[in-house]
C-alpha atoms as a PDB file:
ATOM      1  CA  MET A   1      10.665  -3.346  20.459  1.00  0.00           C
ATOM      2  CA  PRO A   2      14.999  -3.387  20.184  1.00  0.00           C
ATOM      3  CA  GLY A   3      16.385  -1.658  17.209  1.00  0.00           C
ATOM      4  CA  MET A   4      17.365  -4.346  14.127  1.00  0.00           C
ATOM      5  CA  ASP A   5      19.178  -3.543  11.069  1.00  0.00           C
ATOM      6  CA  ILE A   6      17.136  -6.243   8.525  1.00  0.00           C
ATOM      7  CA  ILE A   7      18.899  -7.027   5.244  1.00  0.00           C
ATOM      8  CA  ASP A   8      16.494  -8.282   2.481  1.00  0.00           C
ATOM      9  CA  LEU A   9      18.302 -10.363  -0.418  1.00  0.00           C
ATOM     10  CA  HIS A  10      15.723 -10.451  -2.525  1.00  0.00           C
ATOM     11  CA  CYS A  11      13.321  -7.963  -4.771  1.00  0.00           C
ATOM     12  CA  ASP A  12      12.192  -7.262  -8.134  1.00  0.00           C
ATOM     13  CA  ALA A  13      11.276  -3.445  -7.480  1.00  0.00           C
ATOM     14  CA  LEU A  14      13.420  -3.081 -10.493  1.00  0.00           C
ATOM     15  CA  LEU A  15      11.323  -5.185 -12.501  1.00  0.00           C
ATOM     16  CA  LYS A  16       8.301  -2.959 -12.425  1.00  0.00           C
ATOM     17  CA  LEU A  17      10.191   0.190 -12.578  1.00  0.00           C
ATOM     18  CA  TRP A  18      11.697  -1.210 -15.955  1.00  0.00           C
ATOM     19  CA  GLU A  19       8.078  -2.520 -17.163  1.00  0.00           C
ATOM     20  CA  ARG A  20       6.784   1.182 -16.178  1.00  0.00           C
ATOM     21  CA  GLN A  21       9.406   2.993 -17.928  1.00  0.00           C
ATOM     22  CA  GLY A  22       9.886   5.486 -14.947  1.00  0.00           C
ATOM     23  CA  GLU A  23       6.384   6.287 -14.858  1.00  0.00           C
ATOM     24  CA  ILE A  24       6.099   5.360 -11.280  1.00  0.00           C
ATOM     25  CA  SER A  25       8.444   6.887  -8.522  1.00  0.00           C
ATOM     26  CA  PHE A  26      10.543   4.684  -6.333  1.00  0.00           C
ATOM     27  CA  ALA A  27      10.319   7.512  -3.445  1.00  0.00           C
ATOM     28  CA  ASP A  28       6.680   6.010  -2.593  1.00  0.00           C
ATOM     29  CA  ALA A  29       4.685   4.460  -5.521  1.00  0.00           C
ATOM     30  CA  GLU A  30       1.621   2.271  -4.260  1.00  0.00           C
ATOM     31  CA  GLU A  31       2.403   0.112  -7.199  1.00  0.00           C
ATOM     32  CA  LEU A  32       5.711  -1.041  -5.430  1.00  0.00           C
ATOM     33  CA  ASP A  33       6.083  -3.113  -2.687  1.00  0.00           C
ATOM     34  CA  VAL A  34       9.520  -2.129  -2.244  1.00  0.00           C
ATOM     35  CA  ASN A  35       9.783   1.706  -1.851  1.00  0.00           C
ATOM     36  CA  LYS A  36      11.689   4.061  -0.074  1.00  0.00           C
ATOM     37  CA  ARG A  37       9.103   5.367   2.184  1.00  0.00           C
ATOM     38  CA  ARG A  38       7.912   1.379   3.079  1.00  0.00           C
ATOM     39  CA  LEU A  39      12.132   0.787   3.405  1.00  0.00           C
ATOM     40  CA  VAL A  40      11.926   3.530   6.207  1.00  0.00           C
ATOM     41  CA  GLN A  41       8.668   2.643   7.615  1.00  0.00           C
ATOM     42  CA  GLY A  42       9.723  -1.288   7.920  1.00  0.00           C
ATOM     43  CA  ARG A  43      13.330  -0.138   9.066  1.00  0.00           C
ATOM     44  CA  VAL A  44      15.257  -2.121   6.814  1.00  0.00           C
ATOM     45  CA  LYS A  45      19.083  -1.518   6.428  1.00  0.00           C
ATOM     46  CA  VAL A  46      19.824  -3.011   2.993  1.00  0.00           C
ATOM     47  CA  GLN A  47      17.911  -4.100   0.245  1.00  0.00           C
ATOM     48  CA  CYS A  48      19.089  -6.151  -2.489  1.00  0.00           C
ATOM     49  CA  PHE A  49      17.446  -5.487  -5.860  1.00  0.00           C
ATOM     50  CA  ALA A  50      17.232  -8.342  -8.536  1.00  0.00           C
ATOM     51  CA  ILE A  51      17.543  -7.941 -12.403  1.00  0.00           C
ATOM     52  CA  TYR A  52      15.319 -10.539 -14.071  1.00  0.00           C
ATOM     53  CA  THR A  53      14.716 -11.149 -17.358  1.00  0.00           C
ATOM     54  CA  PRO A  54      11.189 -12.173 -18.089  1.00  0.00           C
ATOM     55  CA  ALA A  55      11.191 -16.010 -19.276  1.00  0.00           C
ATOM     56  CA  ASP A  56       9.285 -15.141 -22.699  1.00  0.00           C
ATOM     57  CA  MET A  57      11.721 -12.935 -24.071  1.00  0.00           C
ATOM     58  CA  LYS A  58      13.694 -13.098 -26.920  1.00  0.00           C
ATOM     59  CA  ALA A  59      17.365 -13.921 -26.135  1.00  0.00           C
ATOM     60  CA  GLU A  60      18.681 -10.734 -28.254  1.00  0.00           C
ATOM     61  CA  GLN A  61      17.071  -8.615 -26.049  1.00  0.00           C
ATOM     62  CA  ARG A  62      17.904  -9.666 -22.497  1.00  0.00           C
ATOM     63  CA  PHE A  63      21.238  -8.363 -22.069  1.00  0.00           C
ATOM     64  CA  GLN A  64      19.693  -4.418 -23.122  1.00  0.00           C
ATOM     65  CA  ALA A  65      16.646  -5.463 -20.603  1.00  0.00           C
ATOM     66  CA  ALA A  66      19.249  -5.953 -17.689  1.00  0.00           C
ATOM     67  CA  LEU A  67      21.256  -2.545 -18.146  1.00  0.00           C
ATOM     68  CA  ASP A  68      17.615  -0.838 -18.305  1.00  0.00           C
ATOM     69  CA  GLN A  69      17.073  -2.365 -15.311  1.00  0.00           C
ATOM     70  CA  ILE A  70      20.362  -1.557 -14.125  1.00  0.00           C
ATOM     71  CA  HIS A  71      20.171   2.244 -15.446  1.00  0.00           C
ATOM     72  CA  HIS A  72      16.426   2.641 -13.287  1.00  0.00           C
ATOM     73  CA  PHE A  73      18.898   1.357 -10.165  1.00  0.00           C
ATOM     74  CA  TYR A  74      21.209   4.381 -11.107  1.00  0.00           C
ATOM     75  CA  ALA A  75      18.446   6.637 -11.774  1.00  0.00           C
ATOM     76  CA  ASP A  76      15.486   6.302  -9.822  1.00  0.00           C
ATOM     77  CA  VAL A  77      16.514   4.429  -6.702  1.00  0.00           C
ATOM     78  CA  LEU A  78      20.083   6.123  -6.265  1.00  0.00           C
ATOM     79  CA  GLY A  79      20.388   8.995  -8.310  1.00  0.00           C
ATOM     80  CA  LYS A  80      16.928  10.708  -6.887  1.00  0.00           C
ATOM     81  CA  HIS A  81      17.469   9.244  -3.261  1.00  0.00           C
ATOM     82  CA  PRO A  82      21.013  10.435  -2.015  1.00  0.00           C
ATOM     83  CA  GLU A  83      20.083   8.441   1.219  1.00  0.00           C
ATOM     84  CA  MET A  84      20.129   5.217  -0.674  1.00  0.00           C
ATOM     85  CA  ARG A  85      23.526   4.058  -1.126  1.00  0.00           C
ATOM     86  CA  GLN A  86      25.142   1.389  -3.051  1.00  0.00           C
ATOM     87  CA  ILE A  87      26.782  -1.565  -2.045  1.00  0.00           C
ATOM     88  CA  ARG A  88      29.748  -2.766  -4.231  1.00  0.00           C
ATOM     89  CA  GLU A  89      32.119  -3.926  -1.438  1.00  0.00           C
ATOM     90  CA  TRP A  90      31.231  -6.480   1.267  1.00  0.00           C
ATOM     91  CA  SER A  91      32.740  -4.228   3.809  1.00  0.00           C
ATOM     92  CA  ASP A  92      30.138  -1.227   2.642  1.00  0.00           C
ATOM     93  CA  PHE A  93      27.860  -3.026   4.788  1.00  0.00           C
ATOM     94  CA  ASP A  94      29.738  -1.726   7.936  1.00  0.00           C
ATOM     95  CA  ASN A  95      29.957   1.822   6.525  1.00  0.00           C
ATOM     96  CA  LEU A  96      26.091   2.270   6.026  1.00  0.00           C
ATOM     97  CA  GLU A  97      25.425   5.821   8.729  1.00  0.00           C
ATOM     98  CA  ASP A  98      22.301   7.008  10.337  1.00  0.00           C
ATOM     99  CA  GLY A  99      19.575   7.475   7.679  1.00  0.00           C
ATOM    100  CA  GLN A 100      21.033   5.425   5.069  1.00  0.00           C
ATOM    101  CA  ILE A 101      20.023   2.499   3.217  1.00  0.00           C
ATOM    102  CA  GLY A 102      22.143  -0.094   1.686  1.00  0.00           C
ATOM    103  CA  ALA A 103      21.129  -1.111  -2.039  1.00  0.00           C
ATOM    104  CA  MET A 104      23.104  -4.208  -3.660  1.00  0.00           C
ATOM    105  CA  LEU A 105      22.076  -5.548  -7.610  1.00  0.00           C
ATOM    106  CA  THR A 106      21.905  -9.165  -7.943  1.00  0.00           C
ATOM    107  CA  LEU A 107      21.234 -11.041 -11.498  1.00  0.00           C
ATOM    108  CA  GLU A 108      18.357 -13.618 -11.296  1.00  0.00           C
ATOM    109  CA  GLY A 109      19.032 -16.110 -13.707  1.00  0.00           C
ATOM    110  CA  VAL A 110      22.185 -15.389 -16.404  1.00  0.00           C
ATOM    111  CA  GLU A 111      20.364 -15.619 -19.370  1.00  0.00           C
ATOM    112  CA  PRO A 112      21.106 -12.160 -20.135  1.00  0.00           C
ATOM    113  CA  ILE A 113      24.622 -12.474 -20.551  1.00  0.00           C
ATOM    114  CA  GLY A 114      24.227 -15.407 -23.223  1.00  0.00           C
ATOM    115  CA  ASN A 115      27.358 -17.821 -23.524  1.00  0.00           C
ATOM    116  CA  ASP A 116      29.509 -14.732 -23.030  1.00  0.00           C
ATOM    117  CA  LEU A 117      31.242 -14.075 -19.733  1.00  0.00           C
ATOM    118  CA  GLN A 118      32.334 -10.961 -20.680  1.00  0.00           C
ATOM    119  CA  LYS A 119      28.779  -9.365 -20.332  1.00  0.00           C
ATOM    120  CA  LEU A 120      29.165 -11.001 -16.815  1.00  0.00           C
ATOM    121  CA  HIS A 121      32.399  -9.055 -16.292  1.00  0.00           C
ATOM    122  CA  ILE A 122      30.499  -5.855 -17.204  1.00  0.00           C
ATOM    123  CA  LEU A 123      27.793  -6.365 -14.984  1.00  0.00           C
ATOM    124  CA  TYR A 124      29.911  -7.058 -12.159  1.00  0.00           C
ATOM    125  CA  GLN A 125      31.942  -3.857 -12.836  1.00  0.00           C
ATOM    126  CA  LEU A 126      28.394  -2.335 -12.677  1.00  0.00           C
ATOM    127  CA  GLY A 127      27.547  -3.271  -9.437  1.00  0.00           C
ATOM    128  CA  VAL A 128      25.907  -6.631  -9.361  1.00  0.00           C
ATOM    129  CA  ARG A 129      27.443  -8.883  -6.262  1.00  0.00           C
ATOM    130  CA  SER A 130      25.304 -12.225  -6.216  1.00  0.00           C
ATOM    131  CA  VAL A 131      24.255 -14.169  -9.377  1.00  0.00           C
ATOM    132  CA  GLY A 132      21.573 -16.964  -9.519  1.00  0.00           C
ATOM    133  CA  LEU A 133      22.473 -19.479 -12.286  1.00  0.00           C
ATOM    134  CA  THR A 134      18.980 -19.700 -14.041  1.00  0.00           C
ATOM    135  CA  TRP A 135      15.268 -19.231 -13.263  1.00  0.00           C
ATOM    136  CA  ASN A 136      13.432 -22.384 -12.803  1.00  0.00           C
ATOM    137  CA  TYR A 137      13.910 -23.577 -16.460  1.00  0.00           C
ATOM    138  CA  ALA A 138      17.236 -24.635 -18.537  1.00  0.00           C
ATOM    139  CA  ASN A 139      19.607 -21.905 -19.825  1.00  0.00           C
ATOM    140  CA  LEU A 140      23.222 -22.375 -20.731  1.00  0.00           C
ATOM    141  CA  ALA A 141      24.578 -22.819 -17.714  1.00  0.00           C
ATOM    142  CA  ALA A 142      22.031 -25.004 -15.418  1.00  0.00           C
ATOM    143  CA  ASP A 143      19.015 -26.557 -15.063  1.00  0.00           C
ATOM    144  CA  GLY A 144      16.415 -25.025 -13.192  1.00  0.00           C
ATOM    145  CA  ALA A 145      13.861 -26.376 -10.133  1.00  0.00           C
ATOM    146  CA  LEU A 146      11.212 -26.560 -13.184  1.00  0.00           C
ATOM    147  CA  GLU A 147      12.968 -28.416 -15.813  1.00  0.00           C
ATOM    148  CA  PRO A 148      12.303 -31.983 -16.117  1.00  0.00           C
ATOM    149  CA  ARG A 149      15.568 -33.251 -17.366  1.00  0.00           C
ATOM    150  CA  ASN A 150      17.254 -32.514 -14.242  1.00  0.00           C
ATOM    151  CA  ALA A 151      20.750 -31.922 -15.642  1.00  0.00           C
ATOM    152  CA  GLY A 152      23.743 -30.264 -13.689  1.00  0.00           C
ATOM    153  CA  LEU A 153      25.510 -27.401 -13.990  1.00  0.00           C
ATOM    154  CA  THR A 154      27.472 -27.195 -17.930  1.00  0.00           C
ATOM    155  CA  ALA A 155      30.897 -26.418 -18.451  1.00  0.00           C
ATOM    156  CA  PHE A 156      29.673 -22.819 -18.896  1.00  0.00           C
ATOM    157  CA  GLY A 157      27.799 -22.705 -15.477  1.00  0.00           C
ATOM    158  CA  LYS A 158      31.042 -23.850 -13.930  1.00  0.00           C
ATOM    159  CA  GLU A 159      32.954 -21.370 -15.640  1.00  0.00           C
ATOM    160  CA  ILE A 160      30.777 -18.609 -14.356  1.00  0.00           C
ATOM    161  CA  VAL A 161      30.955 -20.081 -10.491  1.00  0.00           C
ATOM    162  CA  ARG A 162      34.394 -20.172 -11.178  1.00  0.00           C
ATOM    163  CA  PHE A 163      34.025 -15.797 -12.459  1.00  0.00           C
ATOM    164  CA  HIS A 164      31.944 -15.646  -9.017  1.00  0.00           C
ATOM    165  CA  ASN A 165      34.985 -16.944  -6.678  1.00  0.00           C
ATOM    166  CA  GLU A 166      37.310 -15.037  -8.448  1.00  0.00           C
ATOM    167  CA  HIS A 167      35.513 -11.731  -7.445  1.00  0.00           C
ATOM    168  CA  LYS A 168      33.804 -13.109  -4.492  1.00  0.00           C
ATOM    169  CA  MET A 169      30.704 -13.061  -5.519  1.00  0.00           C
ATOM    170  CA  LEU A 170      27.766 -14.941  -4.330  1.00  0.00           C
ATOM    171  CA  THR A 171      26.487 -17.847  -6.159  1.00  0.00           C
ATOM    172  CA  ASP A 172      22.660 -18.229  -5.295  1.00  0.00           C
ATOM    173  CA  VAL A 173      21.209 -21.468  -5.789  1.00  0.00           C
ATOM    174  CA  SER A 174      17.735 -20.641  -5.230  1.00  0.00           C
ATOM    175  CA  HIS A 175      15.975 -21.832  -8.620  1.00  0.00           C
ATOM    176  CA  LEU A 176      18.284 -24.425  -9.342  1.00  0.00           C
ATOM    177  CA  GLY A 177      17.225 -28.150 -10.045  1.00  0.00           C
ATOM    178  CA  GLU A 178      18.378 -30.437  -7.642  1.00  0.00           C
ATOM    179  CA  ALA A 179      21.248 -32.135  -9.674  1.00  0.00           C
ATOM    180  CA  SER A 180      22.567 -28.298 -10.748  1.00  0.00           C
ATOM    181  CA  PHE A 181      22.372 -27.404  -6.568  1.00  0.00           C
ATOM    182  CA  TRP A 182      24.820 -30.111  -5.990  1.00  0.00           C
ATOM    183  CA  ASP A 183      26.744 -29.347  -8.617  1.00  0.00           C
ATOM    184  CA  ALA A 184      26.906 -25.395  -7.499  1.00  0.00           C
ATOM    185  CA  LEU A 185      27.431 -25.940  -3.901  1.00  0.00           C
ATOM    186  CA  GLU A 186      30.665 -28.113  -5.007  1.00  0.00           C
ATOM    187  CA  ALA A 187      32.414 -25.555  -7.051  1.00  0.00           C
ATOM    188  CA  ALA A 188      31.094 -22.183  -5.410  1.00  0.00           C
ATOM    189  CA  ASN A 189      32.778 -20.767  -2.687  1.00  0.00           C
ATOM    190  CA  TYR A 190      30.068 -18.206  -1.886  1.00  0.00           C
ATOM    191  CA  PRO A 191      27.043 -20.238  -1.913  1.00  0.00           C
ATOM    192  CA  ILE A 192      23.773 -18.489  -0.465  1.00  0.00           C
ATOM    193  CA  ALA A 193      20.154 -19.272  -0.941  1.00  0.00           C
ATOM    194  CA  SER A 194      18.665 -15.909  -1.277  1.00  0.00           C
ATOM    195  CA  HIS A 195      14.671 -16.865  -1.366  1.00  0.00           C
ATOM    196  CA  SER A 196      13.863 -20.143  -0.970  1.00  0.00           C
ATOM    197  CA  ASN A 197      11.960 -21.996   1.679  1.00  0.00           C
ATOM    198  CA  ALA A 198      11.485 -25.983   3.257  1.00  0.00           C
ATOM    199  CA  LYS A 199      10.279 -28.631   1.349  1.00  0.00           C
ATOM    200  CA  ALA A 200       9.529 -30.152   4.411  1.00  0.00           C
ATOM    201  CA  CYS A 201       7.028 -27.668   4.981  1.00  0.00           C
ATOM    202  CA  CYS A 202       5.798 -26.608   1.647  1.00  0.00           C
ATOM    203  CA  ASP A 203       6.371 -29.894  -0.893  1.00  0.00           C
ATOM    204  CA  ASN A 204       7.224 -27.591  -3.794  1.00  0.00           C
ATOM    205  CA  PRO A 205       9.749 -27.737  -6.334  1.00  0.00           C
ATOM    206  CA  ARG A 206      11.319 -24.660  -5.452  1.00  0.00           C
ATOM    207  CA  ASN A 207      11.841 -25.336  -2.071  1.00  0.00           C
ATOM    208  CA  LEU A 208      15.092 -26.708  -0.551  1.00  0.00           C
ATOM    209  CA  SER A 209      15.117 -30.933   0.752  1.00  0.00           C
ATOM    210  CA  ASP A 210      16.479 -31.344   4.285  1.00  0.00           C
ATOM    211  CA  GLU A 211      19.508 -32.486   2.797  1.00  0.00           C
ATOM    212  CA  GLN A 212      19.962 -29.388   0.775  1.00  0.00           C
ATOM    213  CA  ALA A 213      19.694 -27.151   4.078  1.00  0.00           C
ATOM    214  CA  LYS A 214      21.696 -29.095   6.368  1.00  0.00           C
ATOM    215  CA  ALA A 215      24.641 -29.395   3.095  1.00  0.00           C
ATOM    216  CA  LEU A 216      24.316 -25.634   2.534  1.00  0.00           C
ATOM    217  CA  PHE A 217      24.308 -24.853   6.560  1.00  0.00           C
ATOM    218  CA  ALA A 218      27.634 -27.075   6.910  1.00  0.00           C
ATOM    219  CA  LYS A 219      29.227 -25.298   4.104  1.00  0.00           C
ATOM    220  CA  GLY A 220      28.580 -22.106   6.229  1.00  0.00           C
ATOM    221  CA  ALA A 221      26.188 -20.530   3.841  1.00  0.00           C
ATOM    222  CA  MET A 222      22.889 -18.250   4.315  1.00  0.00           C
ATOM    223  CA  VAL A 223      19.326 -19.659   3.701  1.00  0.00           C
ATOM    224  CA  HIS A 224      17.063 -16.798   3.687  1.00  0.00           C
ATOM    225  CA  VAL A 225      13.369 -17.328   3.587  1.00  0.00           C
ATOM    226  CA  VAL A 226      10.950 -16.171   0.846  1.00  0.00           C
ATOM    227  CA  TYR A 227       7.746 -14.563   1.701  1.00  0.00           C
ATOM    228  CA  CYS A 228       6.044 -16.093  -1.595  1.00  0.00           C
ATOM    229  CA  PRO A 229       2.401 -17.772  -0.553  1.00  0.00           C
ATOM    230  CA  MET A 230       3.245 -20.372  -2.604  1.00  0.00           C
ATOM    231  CA  PHE A 231       6.335 -21.657  -1.385  1.00  0.00           C
ATOM    232  CA  ILE A 232       4.811 -21.438   2.230  1.00  0.00           C
ATOM    233  CA  LYS A 233       1.844 -23.805   2.209  1.00  0.00           C
ATOM    234  CA  GLU A 234      -0.055 -25.333  -0.033  1.00  0.00           C
ATOM    235  CA  LYS A 235      -3.202 -24.217  -0.015  1.00  0.00           C
ATOM    236  CA  GLY A 236      -5.428 -21.661   2.241  1.00  0.00           C
ATOM    237  CA  GLU A 237      -4.836 -18.118   3.193  1.00  0.00           C
ATOM    238  CA  VAL A 238      -1.090 -17.695   4.711  1.00  0.00           C
ATOM    239  CA  THR A 239       0.086 -16.112   7.869  1.00  0.00           C
ATOM    240  CA  ILE A 240       3.143 -14.819   9.517  1.00  0.00           C
ATOM    241  CA  ALA A 241       3.035 -17.996  11.509  1.00  0.00           C
ATOM    242  CA  ASP A 242       2.829 -20.235   8.895  1.00  0.00           C
ATOM    243  CA  LEU A 243       5.978 -18.589   7.508  1.00  0.00           C
ATOM    244  CA  ILE A 244       7.956 -19.068  10.937  1.00  0.00           C
ATOM    245  CA  ARG A 245       7.492 -23.027  10.438  1.00  0.00           C
ATOM    246  CA  HIS A 246       9.612 -22.835   8.081  1.00  0.00           C
ATOM    247  CA  ILE A 247      12.105 -20.533  10.001  1.00  0.00           C
ATOM    248  CA  ASP A 248      11.537 -23.276  12.799  1.00  0.00           C
ATOM    249  CA  HIS A 249      12.211 -26.229  10.639  1.00  0.00           C
ATOM    250  CA  PHE A 250      15.495 -24.614   9.462  1.00  0.00           C
ATOM    251  CA  CYS A 251      16.508 -24.295  12.774  1.00  0.00           C
ATOM    252  CA  SER A 252      16.009 -27.595  13.762  1.00  0.00           C
ATOM    253  CA  LEU A 253      18.331 -28.711  11.255  1.00  0.00           C
ATOM    254  CA  GLY A 254      21.140 -26.232  12.535  1.00  0.00           C
ATOM    255  CA  GLY A 255      20.633 -23.021  10.796  1.00  0.00           C
ATOM    256  CA  VAL A 256      19.919 -20.592  13.529  1.00  0.00           C
ATOM    257  CA  ARG A 257      23.047 -18.752  13.033  1.00  0.00           C
ATOM    258  CA  GLN A 258      22.419 -18.893   8.958  1.00  0.00           C
ATOM    259  CA  LEU A 259      18.884 -17.896   8.135  1.00  0.00           C
ATOM    260  CA  GLY A 260      17.826 -14.533   7.310  1.00  0.00           C
ATOM    261  CA  LEU A 261      15.110 -13.092   4.944  1.00  0.00           C
ATOM    262  CA  GLY A 262      14.665 -12.926   1.038  1.00  0.00           C
ATOM    263  CA  SER A 263      10.946 -11.240   0.791  1.00  0.00           C
ATOM    264  CA  ASP A 264      11.044 -11.615  -3.292  1.00  0.00           C
ATOM    265  CA  PHE A 265       8.979  -8.655  -2.774  1.00  0.00           C
ATOM    266  CA  ASP A 266       7.107  -7.057  -6.226  1.00  0.00           C
ATOM    267  CA  GLY A 267       8.119 -10.425  -7.519  1.00  0.00           C
ATOM    268  CA  ILE A 268       5.200 -12.179  -6.143  1.00  0.00           C
ATOM    269  CA  THR A 269       1.084 -11.128  -6.567  1.00  0.00           C
ATOM    270  CA  THR A 270      -0.345 -12.579  -3.287  1.00  0.00           C
ATOM    271  CA  LYS A 271       0.980 -11.943   0.408  1.00  0.00           C
ATOM    272  CA  VAL A 272       1.190 -13.275   3.292  1.00  0.00           C
ATOM    273  CA  VAL A 273      -1.310 -11.754   6.059  1.00  0.00           C
ATOM    274  CA  GLY A 274       0.312  -9.269   7.697  1.00  0.00           C
ATOM    275  CA  LEU A 275       3.418  -9.027   5.658  1.00  0.00           C
ATOM    276  CA  GLU A 276       2.260  -7.059   2.463  1.00  0.00           C
ATOM    277  CA  HIS A 277       5.005  -4.914   1.703  1.00  0.00           C
ATOM    278  CA  ALA A 278       8.389  -3.827   3.096  1.00  0.00           C
ATOM    279  CA  GLY A 279       7.056  -1.581   5.393  1.00  0.00           C
ATOM    280  CA  MET A 280       5.381  -4.584   7.286  1.00  0.00           C
ATOM    281  CA  THR A 281       8.773  -6.259   8.017  1.00  0.00           C
ATOM    282  CA  TYR A 282       8.820  -5.365  11.586  1.00  0.00           C
ATOM    283  CA  ASN A 283       5.588  -7.821  11.897  1.00  0.00           C
ATOM    284  CA  LEU A 284       7.787 -10.324  10.892  1.00  0.00           C
ATOM    285  CA  LEU A 285      10.121  -9.891  13.869  1.00  0.00           C
ATOM    286  CA  ASN A 286       8.084  -8.810  16.383  1.00  0.00           C
ATOM    287  CA  GLU A 287       6.491 -12.539  15.747  1.00  0.00           C
ATOM    288  CA  LEU A 288       9.875 -14.224  16.165  1.00  0.00           C
ATOM    289  CA  LEU A 289      10.644 -12.271  19.282  1.00  0.00           C
ATOM    290  CA  LYS A 290       8.005 -14.630  20.695  1.00  0.00           C
ATOM    291  CA  ARG A 291       9.794 -17.928  19.890  1.00  0.00           C
ATOM    292  CA  TYR A 292      13.449 -16.849  19.966  1.00  0.00           C
ATOM    293  CA  SER A 293      16.135 -14.744  21.791  1.00  0.00           C
ATOM    294  CA  GLU A 294      16.689 -11.050  20.750  1.00  0.00           C
ATOM    295  CA  GLU A 295      19.689 -11.962  19.666  1.00  0.00           C
ATOM    296  CA  GLU A 296      18.796 -14.909  17.271  1.00  0.00           C
ATOM    297  CA  VAL A 297      15.885 -12.557  15.809  1.00  0.00           C
ATOM    298  CA  ARG A 298      18.833 -10.143  15.492  1.00  0.00           C
ATOM    299  CA  GLY A 299      20.436 -12.593  13.614  1.00  0.00           C
ATOM    300  CA  PHE A 300      17.473 -13.486  11.255  1.00  0.00           C
ATOM    301  CA  ALA A 301      17.047 -10.089  10.700  1.00  0.00           C
ATOM    302  CA  GLY A 302      20.464  -9.270   9.085  1.00  0.00           C
ATOM    303  CA  GLY A 303      23.157 -10.391  11.651  1.00  0.00           C
ATOM    304  CA  ASN A 304      23.756 -13.851  10.450  1.00  0.00           C
ATOM    305  CA  PHE A 305      24.326 -12.612   6.865  1.00  0.00           C
ATOM    306  CA  LEU A 306      27.123 -10.095   7.927  1.00  0.00           C
ATOM    307  CA  ARG A 307      28.986 -12.944   9.856  1.00  0.00           C
ATOM    308  CA  CYS A 308      28.536 -14.953   6.743  1.00  0.00           C
ATOM    309  CA  ARG A 309      29.133 -12.904   3.920  1.00  0.00           C
ATOM    310  CA  PRO A 310      31.971 -13.038   1.947  1.00  0.00           C
ATOM    311  CA  VAL A 311      35.560 -11.006   3.576  1.00  0.00           C
END
């Protein structure tokens, strides 16, 4: 099995660390799908850590919750593990040494900033480099995939995307409703789908239509497949082969050089058989090597993202 650097664009380990108030160890806690031991075991070279505030949280509590999760990132992920290196610049991906694992902060939904763009600037200063405008429902920026209204970006949402463009941040379209998706794709210089699958293979509102996927590919943007069973298959046990169907489909739309991985580990309660935590990531690559060339699989693992990232 050739060595391949794996880049995972999405996990929710910070949410679990925050919920448990540091009572579990990032080093090896079994409760964490993504911990240091499992990242090493799965040969993950870069892990993106999402900041997510629960949907039922009061608005005035969200920014502090986001800051608290960032605290756990600095104290528990980076502070106790010097081999974990923060990604703050896009060039940092190229400077990781052997034995080091990159760690990048992302934001899943802009609810924590309310209507205050200065708070987004603070999050940027703390290292957030990719931002999803919402999480499934409506907020002050956009309508999500489960919002019946299906309106597009608000004026504030477009202001946020302009901020992303100015600071070379990724605008993450996963979780957006269809109208918001098209608005974001038009406005964003650096769009990405951090954890989304193909609606043609599993008809879920969180998945991308063929039209959306082809539009992302046409703009040079990445789609990262997600390991959440309900986004892979409508019912029944979900296998790695079921997930690969989505990769096959996206490739049939012309995306072979613009696909990556966005596990959603620690944000999902059910798992793909044989892909239950970060330490098992190579099971997916081994299966992909039976269908794709080594160069193509190396691209899925992380090479495609490195080529498509902002410069």
